[in-house]
Amino acid sequence: MAADRTGLGGVPRLIARAGALLVSSSVVIFLLTEALPGDAAVVLGGGRATAGQLAQLRATAGLDRPLAERYASWLAGMLSGEPGHSLLTGRPVAELIGRRIPVTLTLAAAALALAVPLMVALAWSAVRGPRPLRPVVTGIVVAGAALPQVALAALLVAVLSAAWKLLPPVSLLPAGEPAWSRPDLLVLPVLTLALPAAAYGAALLGGAVADAVARPFVRDAELRGMSAATVALRYVLPVVAPAVARLLAVVGGGLLAGTAVVETLFGLAGLGELLVSAIGGRDLPVVQAVALLAAAVVGAGLMAADTVAWAVDPRSGAVR
């Protein structure tokens, strides 16, 4: 009982939930990739292999083994850090991922750094901004959250590249080259990721902010003449902190998923572009490894968010 009151009893529960999430994600990812249309052996054979050659290719790649055996072998390889080799190139999957991770991490981190303050500013303005501007901000939030990334990318390219000639329309950053070496190539991809994420986050956060500012102690602080900044930091932030922590995990996961579209659109050689090309070539080991890595990152983010939410407010139930 004492362990539970201090929160120590919740740590095993968090770890167990994270482990269950990872295992269930691995099962879903494996089954979905196995259900992809087409035959990897046909791709390997270039579409001209005979039936005997196709059977040999399947045996070489291990595609002829029972489903459960292939899943157990794949999961063991993933947990040991050896996810196998690409069916198309023969190169280690870990090497392919390692070369692409810096681009994706840089893109997602920059987008998150831009999205978070913009999200908070929009949510606060929609609830506590000047009264005539609140409907305008709310409309911007709704429109931004609903705008597809492809449409936003086309709009940004048309304005910032085609019309104003400020930025290159595509990035074409080679794999392995540090993304931060060419910041001008990242502006459009970062904006394409960050703006919808900020609008979506503001739409979710607005309810928590509205509930917080309606609390009696917040109104009392305002009546005592405290500045808006003091009220926000001292009284509103502790109330919305658990929601913000969980929202950051959700937004971060969305940004990571969005890199698949953005990297493909702008020619960035990151994990998202690798995943899209691997799906097109039915390169199962690459698809499965990248998808499980993304699920693990999102799961870790949710676990961290639950921990932060509980630390700020033990009544939030994050680790119950």
C-alpha atoms as a PDB file:
ATOM      1  CA  MET A   1       0.000   0.000   0.000  1.00  0.00           C
ATOM      2  CA  ALA A   2       2.809   2.400   0.834  1.00  0.00           C
ATOM      3  CA  ALA A   3       4.407   1.731  -2.506  1.00  0.00           C
ATOM      4  CA  ASP A   4       1.183   2.620  -4.255  1.00  0.00           C
ATOM      5  CA  ARG A   5       0.871   5.885  -2.310  1.00  0.00           C
ATOM      6  CA  THR A   6       4.348   6.946  -3.367  1.00  0.00           C
ATOM      7  CA  GLY A   7       3.735   5.949  -6.914  1.00  0.00           C
ATOM      8  CA  LEU A   8       6.332   3.181  -6.908  1.00  0.00           C
ATOM      9  CA  GLY A   9       3.614   0.588  -7.307  1.00  0.00           C
ATOM     10  CA  GLY A  10       2.576   2.262 -10.540  1.00  0.00           C
ATOM     11  CA  VAL A  11       5.957   1.782 -12.248  1.00  0.00           C
ATOM     12  CA  PRO A  12       5.502  -1.979 -12.827  1.00  0.00           C
ATOM     13  CA  ARG A  13       2.030  -1.280 -14.169  1.00  0.00           C
ATOM     14  CA  LEU A  14       3.431   1.268 -16.631  1.00  0.00           C
ATOM     15  CA  ILE A  15       6.117  -1.165 -17.749  1.00  0.00           C
ATOM     16  CA  ALA A  16       3.583  -3.979 -18.103  1.00  0.00           C
ATOM     17  CA  ARG A  17       1.264  -1.743 -20.147  1.00  0.00           C
ATOM     18  CA  ALA A  18       4.142  -0.642 -22.385  1.00  0.00           C
ATOM     19  CA  GLY A  19       5.200  -4.268 -22.898  1.00  0.00           C
ATOM     20  CA  ALA A  20       1.656  -5.348 -23.713  1.00  0.00           C
ATOM     21  CA  LEU A  21       1.313  -2.454 -26.157  1.00  0.00           C
ATOM     22  CA  LEU A  22       4.562  -3.389 -27.889  1.00  0.00           C
ATOM     23  CA  VAL A  23       3.664  -7.076 -28.195  1.00  0.00           C
ATOM     24  CA  SER A  24       0.152  -6.375 -29.461  1.00  0.00           C
ATOM     25  CA  SER A  25       1.541  -3.814 -31.910  1.00  0.00           C
ATOM     26  CA  SER A  26       4.049  -6.353 -33.191  1.00  0.00           C
ATOM     27  CA  VAL A  27       1.264  -8.887 -33.840  1.00  0.00           C
ATOM     28  CA  VAL A  28      -0.877  -6.336 -35.697  1.00  0.00           C
ATOM     29  CA  ILE A  29       2.082  -5.053 -37.736  1.00  0.00           C
ATOM     30  CA  PHE A  30       3.215  -8.549 -38.687  1.00  0.00           C
ATOM     31  CA  LEU A  31      -0.259  -9.692 -39.728  1.00  0.00           C
ATOM     32  CA  LEU A  32      -0.968  -6.507 -41.694  1.00  0.00           C
ATOM     33  CA  THR A  33       2.313  -6.682 -43.587  1.00  0.00           C
ATOM     34  CA  GLU A  34       1.707 -10.345 -44.349  1.00  0.00           C
ATOM     35  CA  ALA A  35      -1.669  -9.366 -45.787  1.00  0.00           C
ATOM     36  CA  LEU A  36      -0.162  -6.842 -48.200  1.00  0.00           C
ATOM     37  CA  PRO A  37      -1.126  -7.628 -51.801  1.00  0.00           C
ATOM     38  CA  GLY A  38       1.508  -9.123 -54.076  1.00  0.00           C
ATOM     39  CA  ASP A  39       4.296 -11.613 -53.573  1.00  0.00           C
ATOM     40  CA  ALA A  40       7.766 -10.622 -52.418  1.00  0.00           C
ATOM     41  CA  ALA A  41       9.211 -13.545 -54.361  1.00  0.00           C
ATOM     42  CA  VAL A  42       7.718 -12.168 -57.577  1.00  0.00           C
ATOM     43  CA  VAL A  43       9.307  -8.803 -56.843  1.00  0.00           C
ATOM     44  CA  LEU A  44      12.642 -10.476 -56.171  1.00  0.00           C
ATOM     45  CA  GLY A  45      12.360 -12.430 -59.392  1.00  0.00           C
ATOM     46  CA  GLY A  46      11.686  -9.309 -61.409  1.00  0.00           C
ATOM     47  CA  GLY A  47       8.383 -10.680 -62.666  1.00  0.00           C
ATOM     48  CA  ARG A  48      10.126 -13.175 -64.980  1.00  0.00           C
ATOM     49  CA  ALA A  49      10.953 -16.038 -62.622  1.00  0.00           C
ATOM     50  CA  THR A  50       9.575 -19.525 -63.218  1.00  0.00           C
ATOM     51  CA  ALA A  51       7.506 -21.391 -60.641  1.00  0.00           C
ATOM     52  CA  GLY A  52      10.580 -23.347 -59.540  1.00  0.00           C
ATOM     53  CA  GLN A  53      12.649 -20.185 -59.187  1.00  0.00           C
ATOM     54  CA  LEU A  54       9.871 -18.526 -57.194  1.00  0.00           C
ATOM     55  CA  ALA A  55       9.756 -21.495 -54.823  1.00  0.00           C
ATOM     56  CA  GLN A  56      13.523 -21.280 -54.372  1.00  0.00           C
ATOM     57  CA  LEU A  57      13.322 -17.526 -53.699  1.00  0.00           C
ATOM     58  CA  ARG A  58      10.625 -18.087 -51.084  1.00  0.00           C
ATOM     59  CA  ALA A  59      12.719 -20.762 -49.392  1.00  0.00           C
ATOM     60  CA  THR A  60      15.822 -18.541 -49.414  1.00  0.00           C
ATOM     61  CA  ALA A  61      13.931 -15.616 -47.907  1.00  0.00           C
ATOM     62  CA  GLY A  62      12.163 -17.846 -45.383  1.00  0.00           C
ATOM     63  CA  LEU A  63       8.757 -17.000 -46.819  1.00  0.00           C
ATOM     64  CA  ASP A  64       7.748 -20.664 -47.014  1.00  0.00           C
ATOM     65  CA  ARG A  65       7.874 -21.217 -43.247  1.00  0.00           C
ATOM     66  CA  PRO A  66       4.696 -21.302 -41.119  1.00  0.00           C
ATOM     67  CA  LEU A  67       3.316 -17.918 -40.102  1.00  0.00           C
ATOM     68  CA  ALA A  68       3.808 -18.441 -36.363  1.00  0.00           C
ATOM     69  CA  GLU A  69       7.403 -19.542 -36.864  1.00  0.00           C
ATOM     70  CA  ARG A  70       8.187 -16.503 -39.003  1.00  0.00           C
ATOM     71  CA  TYR A  71       6.601 -14.191 -36.404  1.00  0.00           C
ATOM     72  CA  ALA A  72       8.578 -15.698 -33.532  1.00  0.00           C
ATOM     73  CA  SER A  73      11.820 -15.491 -35.522  1.00  0.00           C
ATOM     74  CA  TRP A  74      11.146 -11.898 -36.573  1.00  0.00           C
ATOM     75  CA  LEU A  75      10.217 -10.721 -33.074  1.00  0.00           C
ATOM     76  CA  ALA A  76      13.296 -12.385 -31.582  1.00  0.00           C
ATOM     77  CA  GLY A  77      15.440 -10.635 -34.176  1.00  0.00           C
ATOM     78  CA  MET A  78      13.822  -7.267 -33.457  1.00  0.00           C
ATOM     79  CA  LEU A  79      14.337  -7.626 -29.705  1.00  0.00           C
ATOM     80  CA  SER A  80      17.976  -8.591 -30.229  1.00  0.00           C
ATOM     81  CA  GLY A  81      18.596  -5.652 -32.550  1.00  0.00           C
ATOM     82  CA  GLU A  82      18.993  -7.818 -35.667  1.00  0.00           C
ATOM     83  CA  PRO A  83      15.826  -7.350 -37.747  1.00  0.00           C
ATOM     84  CA  GLY A  84      17.250  -9.223 -40.709  1.00  0.00           C
ATOM     85  CA  HIS A  85      18.094  -8.157 -44.246  1.00  0.00           C
ATOM     86  CA  SER A  86      16.193  -6.302 -46.933  1.00  0.00           C
ATOM     87  CA  LEU A  87      14.596  -8.664 -49.453  1.00  0.00           C
ATOM     88  CA  LEU A  88      15.307  -6.233 -52.284  1.00  0.00           C
ATOM     89  CA  THR A  89      18.850  -5.038 -51.579  1.00  0.00           C
ATOM     90  CA  GLY A  90      20.179  -7.711 -49.244  1.00  0.00           C
ATOM     91  CA  ARG A  91      21.552  -5.037 -46.911  1.00  0.00           C
ATOM     92  CA  PRO A  92      20.976  -5.246 -43.137  1.00  0.00           C
ATOM     93  CA  VAL A  93      17.730  -3.568 -42.141  1.00  0.00           C
ATOM     94  CA  ALA A  94      19.436  -2.024 -39.115  1.00  0.00           C
ATOM     95  CA  GLU A  95      21.911  -0.298 -41.436  1.00  0.00           C
ATOM     96  CA  LEU A  96      19.141   1.063 -43.653  1.00  0.00           C
ATOM     97  CA  ILE A  97      17.254   2.410 -40.636  1.00  0.00           C
ATOM     98  CA  GLY A  98      20.384   3.840 -39.035  1.00  0.00           C
ATOM     99  CA  ARG A  99      21.144   5.896 -42.141  1.00  0.00           C
ATOM    100  CA  ARG A 100      17.615   7.337 -42.229  1.00  0.00           C
ATOM    101  CA  ILE A 101      16.957   8.028 -38.546  1.00  0.00           C
ATOM    102  CA  PRO A 102      18.840  11.382 -38.301  1.00  0.00           C
ATOM    103  CA  VAL A 103      16.719  12.990 -41.018  1.00  0.00           C
ATOM    104  CA  THR A 104      13.428  11.843 -39.500  1.00  0.00           C
ATOM    105  CA  LEU A 105      14.406  12.747 -35.941  1.00  0.00           C
ATOM    106  CA  THR A 106      15.560  16.212 -37.009  1.00  0.00           C
ATOM    107  CA  LEU A 107      12.375  16.800 -38.990  1.00  0.00           C
ATOM    108  CA  ALA A 108      10.067  15.557 -36.209  1.00  0.00           C
ATOM    109  CA  ALA A 109      11.943  17.408 -33.441  1.00  0.00           C
ATOM    110  CA  ALA A 110      11.894  20.705 -35.350  1.00  0.00           C
ATOM    111  CA  ALA A 111       8.198  20.296 -36.133  1.00  0.00           C
ATOM    112  CA  LEU A 112       7.416  19.490 -32.487  1.00  0.00           C
ATOM    113  CA  ALA A 113       9.426  22.492 -31.273  1.00  0.00           C
ATOM    114  CA  LEU A 114       7.336  24.729 -33.553  1.00  0.00           C
ATOM    115  CA  ALA A 115       3.990  23.004 -32.985  1.00  0.00           C
ATOM    116  CA  VAL A 116       3.981  23.030 -29.171  1.00  0.00           C
ATOM    117  CA  PRO A 117       4.190  26.807 -28.522  1.00  0.00           C
ATOM    118  CA  LEU A 118       1.883  27.486 -31.458  1.00  0.00           C
ATOM    119  CA  MET A 119      -0.599  24.919 -30.116  1.00  0.00           C
ATOM    120  CA  VAL A 120      -0.591  26.490 -26.655  1.00  0.00           C
ATOM    121  CA  ALA A 121      -0.924  30.009 -28.063  1.00  0.00           C
ATOM    122  CA  LEU A 122      -3.875  29.048 -30.259  1.00  0.00           C
ATOM    123  CA  ALA A 123      -5.656  27.181 -27.468  1.00  0.00           C
ATOM    124  CA  TRP A 124      -5.230  30.088 -25.049  1.00  0.00           C
ATOM    125  CA  SER A 125      -6.286  32.679 -27.655  1.00  0.00           C
ATOM    126  CA  ALA A 126      -9.409  30.701 -28.538  1.00  0.00           C
ATOM    127  CA  VAL A 127     -10.456  30.655 -24.869  1.00  0.00           C
ATOM    128  CA  ARG A 128      -8.973  33.776 -23.265  1.00  0.00           C
ATOM    129  CA  GLY A 129      -7.950  36.004 -26.158  1.00  0.00           C
ATOM    130  CA  PRO A 130      -9.751  39.223 -27.117  1.00  0.00           C
ATOM    131  CA  ARG A 131     -13.427  38.335 -27.390  1.00  0.00           C
ATOM    132  CA  PRO A 132     -13.860  39.501 -31.037  1.00  0.00           C
ATOM    133  CA  LEU A 133     -10.905  37.350 -32.120  1.00  0.00           C
ATOM    134  CA  ARG A 134     -11.957  34.115 -30.419  1.00  0.00           C
ATOM    135  CA  PRO A 135     -14.256  32.918 -33.242  1.00  0.00           C
ATOM    136  CA  VAL A 136     -11.539  33.768 -35.774  1.00  0.00           C
ATOM    137  CA  VAL A 137      -8.920  31.751 -33.884  1.00  0.00           C
ATOM    138  CA  THR A 138     -11.368  28.870 -33.468  1.00  0.00           C
ATOM    139  CA  GLY A 139     -12.045  28.885 -37.207  1.00  0.00           C
ATOM    140  CA  ILE A 140      -8.315  28.853 -37.953  1.00  0.00           C
ATOM    141  CA  VAL A 141      -7.849  25.907 -35.590  1.00  0.00           C
ATOM    142  CA  VAL A 142     -10.673  23.897 -37.145  1.00  0.00           C
ATOM    143  CA  ALA A 143      -9.527  24.640 -40.697  1.00  0.00           C
ATOM    144  CA  GLY A 144      -5.899  23.852 -39.896  1.00  0.00           C
ATOM    145  CA  ALA A 145      -6.752  20.575 -38.215  1.00  0.00           C
ATOM    146  CA  ALA A 146      -8.864  19.491 -41.183  1.00  0.00           C
ATOM    147  CA  LEU A 147      -6.389  20.535 -43.904  1.00  0.00           C
ATOM    148  CA  PRO A 148      -4.656  17.524 -45.485  1.00  0.00           C
ATOM    149  CA  GLN A 149      -0.865  17.591 -45.468  1.00  0.00           C
ATOM    150  CA  VAL A 150      -0.741  17.173 -49.239  1.00  0.00           C
ATOM    151  CA  ALA A 151      -2.914  20.258 -49.770  1.00  0.00           C
ATOM    152  CA  LEU A 152      -0.900  22.277 -47.268  1.00  0.00           C
ATOM    153  CA  ALA A 153       2.366  21.219 -48.900  1.00  0.00           C
ATOM    154  CA  ALA A 154       1.068  22.288 -52.313  1.00  0.00           C
ATOM    155  CA  LEU A 155      -0.048  25.654 -50.887  1.00  0.00           C
ATOM    156  CA  LEU A 156       3.305  26.293 -49.177  1.00  0.00           C
ATOM    157  CA  VAL A 157       5.253  25.363 -52.300  1.00  0.00           C
ATOM    158  CA  ALA A 158       3.030  27.586 -54.455  1.00  0.00           C
ATOM    159  CA  VAL A 159       3.474  30.594 -52.163  1.00  0.00           C
ATOM    160  CA  LEU A 160       6.956  30.303 -50.666  1.00  0.00           C
ATOM    161  CA  SER A 161       8.694  28.637 -53.615  1.00  0.00           C
ATOM    162  CA  ALA A 162       6.867  29.388 -56.853  1.00  0.00           C
ATOM    163  CA  ALA A 163       5.540  32.865 -56.078  1.00  0.00           C
ATOM    164  CA  TRP A 164       8.033  34.367 -53.627  1.00  0.00           C
ATOM    165  CA  LYS A 165      11.126  32.294 -54.567  1.00  0.00           C
ATOM    166  CA  LEU A 166      12.164  32.066 -50.915  1.00  0.00           C
ATOM    167  CA  LEU A 167      12.711  28.312 -50.545  1.00  0.00           C
ATOM    168  CA  PRO A 168      13.463  25.282 -52.748  1.00  0.00           C
ATOM    169  CA  PRO A 169      10.291  23.353 -53.624  1.00  0.00           C
ATOM    170  CA  VAL A 170      11.871  19.954 -52.845  1.00  0.00           C
ATOM    171  CA  SER A 171      14.576  18.909 -50.433  1.00  0.00           C
ATOM    172  CA  LEU A 172      16.424  16.001 -52.082  1.00  0.00           C
ATOM    173  CA  LEU A 173      18.701  15.554 -49.072  1.00  0.00           C
ATOM    174  CA  PRO A 174      20.834  12.426 -49.628  1.00  0.00           C
ATOM    175  CA  ALA A 175      20.584   9.606 -47.104  1.00  0.00           C
ATOM    176  CA  GLY A 176      23.241   9.901 -44.436  1.00  0.00           C
ATOM    177  CA  GLU A 177      23.779  13.653 -44.879  1.00  0.00           C
ATOM    178  CA  PRO A 178      22.983  15.598 -41.691  1.00  0.00           C
ATOM    179  CA  ALA A 179      19.603  17.274 -42.072  1.00  0.00           C
ATOM    180  CA  TRP A 180      20.783  20.295 -40.113  1.00  0.00           C
ATOM    181  CA  SER A 181      23.495  20.951 -42.723  1.00  0.00           C
ATOM    182  CA  ARG A 182      20.826  22.416 -45.023  1.00  0.00           C
ATOM    183  CA  PRO A 183      18.197  24.126 -42.855  1.00  0.00           C
ATOM    184  CA  ASP A 184      16.643  25.809 -45.899  1.00  0.00           C
ATOM    185  CA  LEU A 185      15.629  22.371 -47.166  1.00  0.00           C
ATOM    186  CA  LEU A 186      13.722  21.644 -43.961  1.00  0.00           C
ATOM    187  CA  VAL A 187      11.556  24.765 -43.705  1.00  0.00           C
ATOM    188  CA  LEU A 188       8.735  23.574 -45.982  1.00  0.00           C
ATOM    189  CA  PRO A 189       8.649  19.996 -44.591  1.00  0.00           C
ATOM    190  CA  VAL A 190       8.678  21.295 -41.007  1.00  0.00           C
ATOM    191  CA  LEU A 191       5.854  23.747 -41.702  1.00  0.00           C
ATOM    192  CA  THR A 192       3.845  21.027 -43.443  1.00  0.00           C
ATOM    193  CA  LEU A 193       4.186  18.811 -40.367  1.00  0.00           C
ATOM    194  CA  ALA A 194       3.912  21.419 -37.631  1.00  0.00           C
ATOM    195  CA  LEU A 195       0.973  23.591 -38.707  1.00  0.00           C
ATOM    196  CA  PRO A 196      -1.724  20.868 -38.839  1.00  0.00           C
ATOM    197  CA  ALA A 197      -0.301  19.285 -35.663  1.00  0.00           C
ATOM    198  CA  ALA A 198      -0.508  22.612 -33.834  1.00  0.00           C
ATOM    199  CA  ALA A 199      -4.091  23.161 -34.973  1.00  0.00           C
ATOM    200  CA  TYR A 200      -5.116  19.626 -34.017  1.00  0.00           C
ATOM    201  CA  GLY A 201      -3.448  19.941 -30.620  1.00  0.00           C
ATOM    202  CA  ALA A 202      -5.047  23.324 -30.000  1.00  0.00           C
ATOM    203  CA  ALA A 203      -8.480  21.870 -30.790  1.00  0.00           C
ATOM    204  CA  LEU A 204      -7.956  19.158 -28.166  1.00  0.00           C
ATOM    205  CA  LEU A 205      -6.294  21.438 -25.618  1.00  0.00           C
ATOM    206  CA  GLY A 206      -8.940  24.150 -25.847  1.00  0.00           C
ATOM    207  CA  GLY A 207     -11.435  22.143 -23.790  1.00  0.00           C
ATOM    208  CA  ALA A 208      -8.926  21.577 -20.981  1.00  0.00           C
ATOM    209  CA  VAL A 209      -8.012  25.271 -20.928  1.00  0.00           C
ATOM    210  CA  ALA A 210     -11.679  26.312 -20.875  1.00  0.00           C
ATOM    211  CA  ASP A 211     -12.322  23.954 -17.961  1.00  0.00           C
ATOM    212  CA  ALA A 212      -9.278  25.259 -16.086  1.00  0.00           C
ATOM    213  CA  VAL A 213     -10.116  28.966 -16.418  1.00  0.00           C
ATOM    214  CA  ALA A 214     -13.638  28.265 -15.200  1.00  0.00           C
ATOM    215  CA  ARG A 215     -12.331  26.999 -11.854  1.00  0.00           C
ATOM    216  CA  PRO A 216     -13.295  29.262  -8.911  1.00  0.00           C
ATOM    217  CA  PHE A 217      -9.705  29.801  -7.754  1.00  0.00           C
ATOM    218  CA  VAL A 218      -8.727  31.013 -11.240  1.00  0.00           C
ATOM    219  CA  ARG A 219     -11.565  33.518 -11.305  1.00  0.00           C
ATOM    220  CA  ASP A 220     -10.637  34.616  -7.791  1.00  0.00           C
ATOM    221  CA  ALA A 221      -7.031  35.236  -8.896  1.00  0.00           C
ATOM    222  CA  GLU A 222      -8.253  37.343 -11.803  1.00  0.00           C
ATOM    223  CA  LEU A 223     -10.527  39.361  -9.529  1.00  0.00           C
ATOM    224  CA  ARG A 224      -7.555  40.056  -7.267  1.00  0.00           C
ATOM    225  CA  GLY A 225      -5.883  41.794 -10.204  1.00  0.00           C
ATOM    226  CA  MET A 226      -3.242  39.210 -11.118  1.00  0.00           C
ATOM    227  CA  SER A 227      -1.842  39.476 -14.638  1.00  0.00           C
ATOM    228  CA  ALA A 228      -2.942  36.995 -17.292  1.00  0.00           C
ATOM    229  CA  ALA A 229       0.568  35.527 -17.450  1.00  0.00           C
ATOM    230  CA  THR A 230       0.677  34.962 -13.676  1.00  0.00           C
ATOM    231  CA  VAL A 231      -2.752  33.344 -13.671  1.00  0.00           C
ATOM    232  CA  ALA A 232      -1.814  31.089 -16.572  1.00  0.00           C
ATOM    233  CA  LEU A 233       1.476  29.913 -15.069  1.00  0.00           C
ATOM    234  CA  ARG A 234       0.443  29.650 -11.416  1.00  0.00           C
ATOM    235  CA  TYR A 235      -3.123  28.406 -11.643  1.00  0.00           C
ATOM    236  CA  VAL A 236      -4.036  27.209 -15.132  1.00  0.00           C
ATOM    237  CA  LEU A 237      -0.862  25.309 -16.049  1.00  0.00           C
ATOM    238  CA  PRO A 238      -0.987  22.862 -13.083  1.00  0.00           C
ATOM    239  CA  VAL A 239      -4.575  21.984 -14.005  1.00  0.00           C
ATOM    240  CA  VAL A 240      -3.921  21.356 -17.701  1.00  0.00           C
ATOM    241  CA  ALA A 241      -0.434  19.817 -17.296  1.00  0.00           C
ATOM    242  CA  PRO A 242      -1.648  16.167 -17.327  1.00  0.00           C
ATOM    243  CA  ALA A 243      -3.675  16.816 -20.491  1.00  0.00           C
ATOM    244  CA  VAL A 244      -0.729  18.617 -22.079  1.00  0.00           C
ATOM    245  CA  ALA A 245       1.627  15.724 -21.284  1.00  0.00           C
ATOM    246  CA  ARG A 246      -0.656  13.169 -22.914  1.00  0.00           C
ATOM    247  CA  LEU A 247      -1.372  15.516 -25.805  1.00  0.00           C
ATOM    248  CA  LEU A 248       2.350  15.900 -26.497  1.00  0.00           C
ATOM    249  CA  ALA A 249       2.644  12.125 -26.829  1.00  0.00           C
ATOM    250  CA  VAL A 250      -0.289  12.040 -29.252  1.00  0.00           C
ATOM    251  CA  VAL A 251       0.997  14.977 -31.296  1.00  0.00           C
ATOM    252  CA  GLY A 252       4.515  13.528 -31.327  1.00  0.00           C
ATOM    253  CA  GLY A 253       3.182  10.216 -32.599  1.00  0.00           C
ATOM    254  CA  GLY A 254       1.176  12.025 -35.261  1.00  0.00           C
ATOM    255  CA  LEU A 255       4.253  13.930 -36.377  1.00  0.00           C
ATOM    256  CA  LEU A 256       6.223  10.704 -36.630  1.00  0.00           C
ATOM    257  CA  ALA A 257       3.482   9.124 -38.728  1.00  0.00           C
ATOM    258  CA  GLY A 258       3.221  12.246 -40.874  1.00  0.00           C
ATOM    259  CA  THR A 259       6.862  12.035 -41.885  1.00  0.00           C
ATOM    260  CA  ALA A 260       5.953   9.197 -44.258  1.00  0.00           C
ATOM    261  CA  VAL A 261       3.911  11.618 -46.377  1.00  0.00           C
ATOM    262  CA  VAL A 262       6.102  14.683 -45.933  1.00  0.00           C
ATOM    263  CA  GLU A 263       9.415  12.961 -46.657  1.00  0.00           C
ATOM    264  CA  THR A 264       7.966  11.417 -49.801  1.00  0.00           C
ATOM    265  CA  LEU A 265       6.527  14.746 -50.969  1.00  0.00           C
ATOM    266  CA  PHE A 266       9.738  16.713 -50.437  1.00  0.00           C
ATOM    267  CA  GLY A 267      12.289  14.045 -51.337  1.00  0.00           C
ATOM    268  CA  LEU A 268      13.801  13.629 -47.861  1.00  0.00           C
ATOM    269  CA  ALA A 269      15.614  10.324 -47.381  1.00  0.00           C
ATOM    270  CA  GLY A 270      14.204   9.508 -43.940  1.00  0.00           C
ATOM    271  CA  LEU A 271      12.394   6.619 -42.297  1.00  0.00           C
ATOM    272  CA  GLY A 272       9.027   7.686 -43.693  1.00  0.00           C
ATOM    273  CA  GLU A 273      10.289   7.655 -47.269  1.00  0.00           C
ATOM    274  CA  LEU A 274      12.001   4.311 -46.600  1.00  0.00           C
ATOM    275  CA  LEU A 275       8.721   2.869 -45.328  1.00  0.00           C
ATOM    276  CA  VAL A 276       6.753   4.060 -48.359  1.00  0.00           C
ATOM    277  CA  SER A 277       9.300   2.664 -50.822  1.00  0.00           C
ATOM    278  CA  ALA A 278       9.514  -0.616 -48.895  1.00  0.00           C
ATOM    279  CA  ILE A 279       5.730  -1.025 -48.996  1.00  0.00           C
ATOM    280  CA  GLY A 280       5.776  -0.428 -52.760  1.00  0.00           C
ATOM    281  CA  GLY A 281       8.460  -3.105 -53.181  1.00  0.00           C
ATOM    282  CA  ARG A 282       6.873  -5.429 -50.589  1.00  0.00           C
ATOM    283  CA  ASP A 283      10.134  -5.474 -48.662  1.00  0.00           C
ATOM    284  CA  LEU A 284       8.592  -7.050 -45.571  1.00  0.00           C
ATOM    285  CA  PRO A 285      11.588  -6.966 -43.185  1.00  0.00           C
ATOM    286  CA  VAL A 286      12.022  -3.220 -43.746  1.00  0.00           C
ATOM    287  CA  VAL A 287       8.304  -2.447 -43.464  1.00  0.00           C
ATOM    288  CA  GLN A 288       7.947  -4.479 -40.271  1.00  0.00           C
ATOM    289  CA  ALA A 289      11.059  -3.045 -38.631  1.00  0.00           C
ATOM    290  CA  VAL A 290      10.210   0.593 -39.357  1.00  0.00           C
ATOM    291  CA  ALA A 291       6.583   0.161 -38.292  1.00  0.00           C
ATOM    292  CA  LEU A 292       7.511  -1.553 -35.019  1.00  0.00           C
ATOM    293  CA  LEU A 293      10.149   1.079 -34.299  1.00  0.00           C
ATOM    294  CA  ALA A 294       7.528   3.795 -34.755  1.00  0.00           C
ATOM    295  CA  ALA A 295       5.107   1.921 -32.482  1.00  0.00           C
ATOM    296  CA  ALA A 296       7.824   1.578 -29.832  1.00  0.00           C
ATOM    297  CA  VAL A 297       8.595   5.305 -29.959  1.00  0.00           C
ATOM    298  CA  VAL A 298       4.916   6.218 -29.632  1.00  0.00           C
ATOM    299  CA  GLY A 299       4.505   3.726 -26.780  1.00  0.00           C
ATOM    300  CA  ALA A 300       7.509   5.182 -24.979  1.00  0.00           C
ATOM    301  CA  GLY A 301       6.064   8.666 -25.439  1.00  0.00           C
ATOM    302  CA  LEU A 302       2.711   7.611 -23.980  1.00  0.00           C
ATOM    303  CA  MET A 303       4.463   5.943 -21.040  1.00  0.00           C
ATOM    304  CA  ALA A 304       6.499   9.093 -20.380  1.00  0.00           C
ATOM    305  CA  ALA A 305       3.346  11.216 -20.659  1.00  0.00           C
ATOM    306  CA  ASP A 306       1.526   9.032 -18.118  1.00  0.00           C
ATOM    307  CA  THR A 307       4.490   9.321 -15.752  1.00  0.00           C
ATOM    308  CA  VAL A 308       4.608  13.106 -16.075  1.00  0.00           C
ATOM    309  CA  ALA A 309       0.833  13.371 -15.676  1.00  0.00           C
ATOM    310  CA  TRP A 310       0.935  11.316 -12.489  1.00  0.00           C
ATOM    311  CA  ALA A 311       3.893  13.291 -11.118  1.00  0.00           C
ATOM    312  CA  VAL A 312       2.002  16.552 -11.645  1.00  0.00           C
ATOM    313  CA  ASP A 313      -1.340  15.221 -10.383  1.00  0.00           C
ATOM    314  CA  PRO A 314      -1.437  11.793  -8.679  1.00  0.00           C
ATOM    315  CA  ARG A 315      -5.234  11.896  -8.951  1.00  0.00           C
ATOM    316  CA  SER A 316      -5.002  11.764 -12.766  1.00  0.00           C
ATOM    317  CA  GLY A 317      -4.981   7.968 -12.639  1.00  0.00           C
ATOM    318  CA  ALA A 318      -2.096   7.644 -15.055  1.00  0.00           C
ATOM    319  CA  VAL A 319      -0.603   4.625 -13.351  1.00  0.00           C
ATOM    320  CA  ARG A 320      -3.605   3.064 -11.698  1.00  0.00           C
END
